[in-house]
Amino acid sequence: MRTPKKRTSLALAGSAALVAGVVVWPAGAAAAPEGEVLEGTFETDRVEEVFLDHDANGVPSLGDELVYTNTSTGGLGDATDRGHCVFHQVDLAADSTVLHCTATNVGPRGSLTVQGVSRTGITAPVLREPSSWAVTGGTGEFASASGEIHIEEFEGAGLDFRSRGTFRIVLGG
């Protein structure tokens, strides 16, 4: 796996720096017959991110965004995923936010897209509760994929951010 140079446009503490970097890895998946279920674990590592502070107040607010690139490893091999999260609820007093995220992995055998909602801390990289995101489709060998990913852990912040979880993908389902 090639290790790209890490960079950031704005390192933001807490959830904006840690959220969502999860996608499943089609790059290393073995060819599977239609209807086959693929299950396993994943881990992502942040490569690049930018926090888009639309109201320029310096903290996450409703409608602000996080755009990121991660490398990922796990049960389906090594790959790169790219994602986008929008802040939908922000409670600064409770140090909590809810984000809606979409992420797509593009590998040599096709792409796989997931989306879902995660509730996180703002000032510390804390996943407030495990979350499940839907596999919404793909291309190539993943053209008719369905299933879900389960995000179980966040660790670190900014470009030191990692996430871990499990996946269940149904091909042709």
C-alpha atoms as a PDB file:
ATOM      1  CA  MET A   1       0.000   0.000   0.000  1.00  0.00           C
ATOM      2  CA  ARG A   2       1.386   3.406  -0.974  1.00  0.00           C
ATOM      3  CA  THR A   3       1.478   5.851   1.954  1.00  0.00           C
ATOM      4  CA  PRO A   4       0.457   9.310   0.712  1.00  0.00           C
ATOM      5  CA  LYS A   5       1.780  12.445   2.336  1.00  0.00           C
ATOM      6  CA  LYS A   6      -0.588  13.698   5.004  1.00  0.00           C
ATOM      7  CA  ARG A   7      -1.812  17.275   4.861  1.00  0.00           C
ATOM      8  CA  THR A   8      -4.639  19.404   6.155  1.00  0.00           C
ATOM      9  CA  SER A   9      -6.116  22.771   5.317  1.00  0.00           C
ATOM     10  CA  LEU A  10      -7.384  23.254   8.870  1.00  0.00           C
ATOM     11  CA  ALA A  11      -6.860  20.954  11.825  1.00  0.00           C
ATOM     12  CA  LEU A  12     -10.001  21.263  13.921  1.00  0.00           C
ATOM     13  CA  ALA A  13     -10.137  19.695  17.383  1.00  0.00           C
ATOM     14  CA  GLY A  14     -12.914  17.307  18.191  1.00  0.00           C
ATOM     15  CA  SER A  15     -15.596  15.924  15.969  1.00  0.00           C
ATOM     16  CA  ALA A  16     -14.849  17.911  12.836  1.00  0.00           C
ATOM     17  CA  ALA A  17     -11.385  16.404  12.836  1.00  0.00           C
ATOM     18  CA  LEU A  18     -12.482  12.926  13.700  1.00  0.00           C
ATOM     19  CA  VAL A  19     -15.800  12.194  12.111  1.00  0.00           C
ATOM     20  CA  ALA A  20     -16.534   9.841   9.402  1.00  0.00           C
ATOM     21  CA  GLY A  21     -13.787   8.287   7.658  1.00  0.00           C
ATOM     22  CA  VAL A  22     -15.318   5.062   7.185  1.00  0.00           C
ATOM     23  CA  VAL A  23     -15.972   3.142   4.045  1.00  0.00           C
ATOM     24  CA  VAL A  24     -15.603  -0.439   2.984  1.00  0.00           C
ATOM     25  CA  TRP A  25     -12.752  -1.525   0.720  1.00  0.00           C
ATOM     26  CA  PRO A  26     -13.549  -2.978  -2.675  1.00  0.00           C
ATOM     27  CA  ALA A  27      -9.948  -2.724  -3.849  1.00  0.00           C
ATOM     28  CA  GLY A  28      -8.861  -6.042  -2.353  1.00  0.00           C
ATOM     29  CA  ALA A  29     -12.088  -7.987  -2.480  1.00  0.00           C
ATOM     30  CA  ALA A  30     -12.024 -11.354  -4.158  1.00  0.00           C
ATOM     31  CA  ALA A  31     -14.554 -11.910  -6.921  1.00  0.00           C
ATOM     32  CA  ALA A  32     -17.729 -13.200  -5.328  1.00  0.00           C
ATOM     33  CA  PRO A  33     -20.853 -14.737  -6.800  1.00  0.00           C
ATOM     34  CA  GLU A  34     -24.084 -12.747  -6.767  1.00  0.00           C
ATOM     35  CA  GLY A  35     -25.846 -13.005  -3.411  1.00  0.00           C
ATOM     36  CA  GLU A  36     -22.640 -13.765  -1.531  1.00  0.00           C
ATOM     37  CA  VAL A  37     -22.256 -12.057   1.844  1.00  0.00           C
ATOM     38  CA  LEU A  38     -18.894 -10.466   2.679  1.00  0.00           C
ATOM     39  CA  GLU A  39     -18.218  -9.746   6.364  1.00  0.00           C
ATOM     40  CA  GLY A  40     -15.177  -8.453   8.196  1.00  0.00           C
ATOM     41  CA  THR A  41     -13.479  -5.611  10.016  1.00  0.00           C
ATOM     42  CA  PHE A  42     -11.943  -2.333   8.848  1.00  0.00           C
ATOM     43  CA  GLU A  43      -9.651   0.423  10.066  1.00  0.00           C
ATOM     44  CA  THR A  44      -9.172   3.829   8.458  1.00  0.00           C
ATOM     45  CA  ASP A  45      -6.348   6.362   8.764  1.00  0.00           C
ATOM     46  CA  ARG A  46      -6.862  10.060   7.922  1.00  0.00           C
ATOM     47  CA  VAL A  47      -4.665  11.397   5.077  1.00  0.00           C
ATOM     48  CA  GLU A  48      -6.207  14.788   4.345  1.00  0.00           C
ATOM     49  CA  GLU A  49      -9.105  16.919   5.622  1.00  0.00           C
ATOM     50  CA  VAL A  50     -10.608  20.371   5.516  1.00  0.00           C
ATOM     51  CA  PHE A  51     -13.270  21.917   7.772  1.00  0.00           C
ATOM     52  CA  LEU A  52     -15.580  24.296   5.896  1.00  0.00           C
ATOM     53  CA  ASP A  53     -16.716  26.892   8.455  1.00  0.00           C
ATOM     54  CA  HIS A  54     -19.544  28.503   6.468  1.00  0.00           C
ATOM     55  CA  ASP A  55     -20.477  31.064   9.139  1.00  0.00           C
ATOM     56  CA  ALA A  56     -16.792  31.747  10.031  1.00  0.00           C
ATOM     57  CA  ASN A  57     -17.407  31.467  13.784  1.00  0.00           C
ATOM     58  CA  GLY A  58     -14.509  29.050  14.388  1.00  0.00           C
ATOM     59  CA  VAL A  59     -16.623  26.201  15.779  1.00  0.00           C
ATOM     60  CA  PRO A  60     -18.867  23.584  14.199  1.00  0.00           C
ATOM     61  CA  SER A  61     -22.324  24.996  13.392  1.00  0.00           C
ATOM     62  CA  LEU A  62     -25.401  23.781  11.553  1.00  0.00           C
ATOM     63  CA  GLY A  63     -24.478  23.354   7.871  1.00  0.00           C
ATOM     64  CA  ASP A  64     -20.684  23.401   8.319  1.00  0.00           C
ATOM     65  CA  GLU A  65     -18.868  20.593   6.516  1.00  0.00           C
ATOM     66  CA  LEU A  66     -15.910  18.252   6.803  1.00  0.00           C
ATOM     67  CA  VAL A  67     -14.280  16.840   3.651  1.00  0.00           C
ATOM     68  CA  TYR A  68     -11.661  14.111   4.023  1.00  0.00           C
ATOM     69  CA  THR A  69      -9.544  11.379   2.454  1.00  0.00           C
ATOM     70  CA  ASN A  70      -8.577   8.184   4.317  1.00  0.00           C
ATOM     71  CA  THR A  71      -6.587   5.075   3.638  1.00  0.00           C
ATOM     72  CA  SER A  72      -8.335   1.928   4.754  1.00  0.00           C
ATOM     73  CA  THR A  73      -7.360  -1.651   5.551  1.00  0.00           C
ATOM     74  CA  GLY A  74      -9.295  -4.675   6.622  1.00  0.00           C
ATOM     75  CA  GLY A  75     -11.215  -7.685   5.457  1.00  0.00           C
ATOM     76  CA  LEU A  76     -11.461  -6.463   1.858  1.00  0.00           C
ATOM     77  CA  GLY A  77      -7.893  -5.195   1.431  1.00  0.00           C
ATOM     78  CA  ASP A  78      -6.135  -1.830   1.210  1.00  0.00           C
ATOM     79  CA  ALA A  79      -7.793   1.163  -0.467  1.00  0.00           C
ATOM     80  CA  THR A  80      -8.546   4.886  -0.295  1.00  0.00           C
ATOM     81  CA  ASP A  81     -11.875   6.449   0.592  1.00  0.00           C
ATOM     82  CA  ARG A  82     -13.156   9.983   0.208  1.00  0.00           C
ATOM     83  CA  GLY A  83     -15.967  11.445   2.260  1.00  0.00           C
ATOM     84  CA  HIS A  84     -18.077  14.440   3.128  1.00  0.00           C
ATOM     85  CA  CYS A  85     -19.993  15.193   6.356  1.00  0.00           C
ATOM     86  CA  VAL A  86     -22.523  17.937   7.122  1.00  0.00           C
ATOM     87  CA  PHE A  87     -23.222  19.128  10.666  1.00  0.00           C
ATOM     88  CA  HIS A  88     -26.965  18.699  11.282  1.00  0.00           C
ATOM     89  CA  GLN A  89     -27.215  19.231  15.043  1.00  0.00           C
ATOM     90  CA  VAL A  90     -24.687  21.074  17.156  1.00  0.00           C
ATOM     91  CA  ASP A  91     -24.942  21.495  20.933  1.00  0.00           C
ATOM     92  CA  LEU A  92     -21.805  23.305  22.123  1.00  0.00           C
ATOM     93  CA  ALA A  93     -22.917  23.232  25.785  1.00  0.00           C
ATOM     94  CA  ALA A  94     -23.321  19.441  25.674  1.00  0.00           C
ATOM     95  CA  ASP A  95     -20.161  19.004  23.559  1.00  0.00           C
ATOM     96  CA  SER A  96     -22.194  17.009  21.058  1.00  0.00           C
ATOM     97  CA  THR A  97     -22.938  17.044  17.343  1.00  0.00           C
ATOM     98  CA  VAL A  98     -24.792  14.895  14.826  1.00  0.00           C
ATOM     99  CA  LEU A  99     -23.330  14.574  11.344  1.00  0.00           C
ATOM    100  CA  HIS A 100     -24.671  13.061   8.150  1.00  0.00           C
ATOM    101  CA  CYS A 101     -21.835  11.587   6.079  1.00  0.00           C
ATOM    102  CA  THR A 102     -21.373  10.052   2.651  1.00  0.00           C
ATOM    103  CA  ALA A 103     -18.176   8.237   1.680  1.00  0.00           C
ATOM    104  CA  THR A 104     -17.066   6.503  -1.517  1.00  0.00           C
ATOM    105  CA  ASN A 105     -14.175   4.132  -2.036  1.00  0.00           C
ATOM    106  CA  VAL A 106     -12.825   3.773  -5.558  1.00  0.00           C
ATOM    107  CA  GLY A 107     -10.667   0.744  -6.215  1.00  0.00           C
ATOM    108  CA  PRO A 108      -9.505  -1.232  -9.233  1.00  0.00           C
ATOM    109  CA  ARG A 109     -12.566  -3.528  -9.072  1.00  0.00           C
ATOM    110  CA  GLY A 110     -15.174  -0.783  -8.654  1.00  0.00           C
ATOM    111  CA  SER A 111     -16.496   1.680  -6.114  1.00  0.00           C
ATOM    112  CA  LEU A 112     -18.610   1.307  -3.004  1.00  0.00           C
ATOM    113  CA  THR A 113     -20.622   4.129  -1.410  1.00  0.00           C
ATOM    114  CA  VAL A 114     -21.950   4.327   2.165  1.00  0.00           C
ATOM    115  CA  GLN A 115     -23.895   6.956   4.071  1.00  0.00           C
ATOM    116  CA  GLY A 116     -25.215   7.459   7.564  1.00  0.00           C
ATOM    117  CA  VAL A 117     -25.429   9.519  10.731  1.00  0.00           C
ATOM    118  CA  SER A 118     -22.981   9.606  13.659  1.00  0.00           C
ATOM    119  CA  ARG A 119     -23.216  11.415  16.998  1.00  0.00           C
ATOM    120  CA  THR A 120     -19.841  12.589  18.292  1.00  0.00           C
ATOM    121  CA  GLY A 121     -18.170  14.898  20.770  1.00  0.00           C
ATOM    122  CA  ILE A 122     -16.994  18.302  19.556  1.00  0.00           C
ATOM    123  CA  THR A 123     -13.905  19.070  21.666  1.00  0.00           C
ATOM    124  CA  ALA A 124     -12.692  15.492  22.076  1.00  0.00           C
ATOM    125  CA  PRO A 125     -12.599  12.667  19.536  1.00  0.00           C
ATOM    126  CA  VAL A 126     -15.370  10.644  21.110  1.00  0.00           C
ATOM    127  CA  LEU A 127     -17.934   8.523  19.305  1.00  0.00           C
ATOM    128  CA  ARG A 128     -20.977   9.105  21.548  1.00  0.00           C
ATOM    129  CA  GLU A 129     -22.609   5.869  20.420  1.00  0.00           C
ATOM    130  CA  PRO A 130     -21.844   3.208  17.817  1.00  0.00           C
ATOM    131  CA  SER A 131     -23.446   3.986  14.456  1.00  0.00           C
ATOM    132  CA  SER A 132     -24.530   2.041  11.394  1.00  0.00           C
ATOM    133  CA  TRP A 133     -24.326   3.382   7.856  1.00  0.00           C
ATOM    134  CA  ALA A 134     -26.054   1.920   4.787  1.00  0.00           C
ATOM    135  CA  VAL A 135     -24.210   0.603   1.744  1.00  0.00           C
ATOM    136  CA  THR A 136     -26.078   2.564  -0.923  1.00  0.00           C
ATOM    137  CA  GLY A 137     -24.479   1.126  -4.053  1.00  0.00           C
ATOM    138  CA  GLY A 138     -21.389   0.837  -6.125  1.00  0.00           C
ATOM    139  CA  THR A 139     -19.887   0.152  -9.518  1.00  0.00           C
ATOM    140  CA  GLY A 140     -18.010  -2.730 -11.116  1.00  0.00           C
ATOM    141  CA  GLU A 141     -18.155  -5.860  -8.964  1.00  0.00           C
ATOM    142  CA  PHE A 142     -20.119  -3.818  -6.393  1.00  0.00           C
ATOM    143  CA  ALA A 143     -22.752  -2.475  -8.837  1.00  0.00           C
ATOM    144  CA  SER A 144     -25.671  -4.028  -6.967  1.00  0.00           C
ATOM    145  CA  ALA A 145     -24.168  -4.191  -3.464  1.00  0.00           C
ATOM    146  CA  SER A 146     -26.222  -3.586  -0.343  1.00  0.00           C
ATOM    147  CA  GLY A 147     -25.507  -3.964   3.351  1.00  0.00           C
ATOM    148  CA  GLU A 148     -24.113  -1.844   6.149  1.00  0.00           C
ATOM    149  CA  ILE A 149     -21.054  -0.817   8.084  1.00  0.00           C
ATOM    150  CA  HIS A 150     -20.910  -0.441  11.854  1.00  0.00           C
ATOM    151  CA  ILE A 151     -18.625   2.237  13.260  1.00  0.00           C
ATOM    152  CA  GLU A 152     -17.479   1.129  16.681  1.00  0.00           C
ATOM    153  CA  GLU A 153     -14.505   3.311  17.641  1.00  0.00           C
ATOM    154  CA  PHE A 154     -12.781   6.621  16.970  1.00  0.00           C
ATOM    155  CA  GLU A 155      -9.196   7.253  18.074  1.00  0.00           C
ATOM    156  CA  GLY A 156      -7.079  10.399  17.796  1.00  0.00           C
ATOM    157  CA  ALA A 157      -7.886  13.710  16.097  1.00  0.00           C
ATOM    158  CA  GLY A 158      -6.956  15.651  12.978  1.00  0.00           C
ATOM    159  CA  LEU A 159      -4.553  13.758  10.751  1.00  0.00           C
ATOM    160  CA  ASP A 160      -3.893  11.299  13.579  1.00  0.00           C
ATOM    161  CA  PHE A 161      -7.548  10.169  13.420  1.00  0.00           C
ATOM    162  CA  ARG A 162      -8.462   6.506  12.973  1.00  0.00           C
ATOM    163  CA  SER A 163     -11.782   4.681  12.984  1.00  0.00           C
ATOM    164  CA  ARG A 164     -12.613   1.005  13.381  1.00  0.00           C
ATOM    165  CA  GLY A 165     -15.628  -1.147  12.771  1.00  0.00           C
ATOM    166  CA  THR A 166     -17.220  -4.027  10.909  1.00  0.00           C
ATOM    167  CA  PHE A 167     -19.000  -4.480   7.577  1.00  0.00           C
ATOM    168  CA  ARG A 168     -21.575  -6.761   6.019  1.00  0.00           C
ATOM    169  CA  ILE A 169     -21.978  -6.487   2.227  1.00  0.00           C
ATOM    170  CA  VAL A 170     -24.392  -8.476   0.088  1.00  0.00           C
ATOM    171  CA  LEU A 171     -23.362  -8.715  -3.561  1.00  0.00           C
ATOM    172  CA  GLY A 172     -26.276  -8.646  -5.960  1.00  0.00           C
ATOM    173  CA  GLY A 173     -28.591  -8.034  -3.062  1.00  0.00           C
END
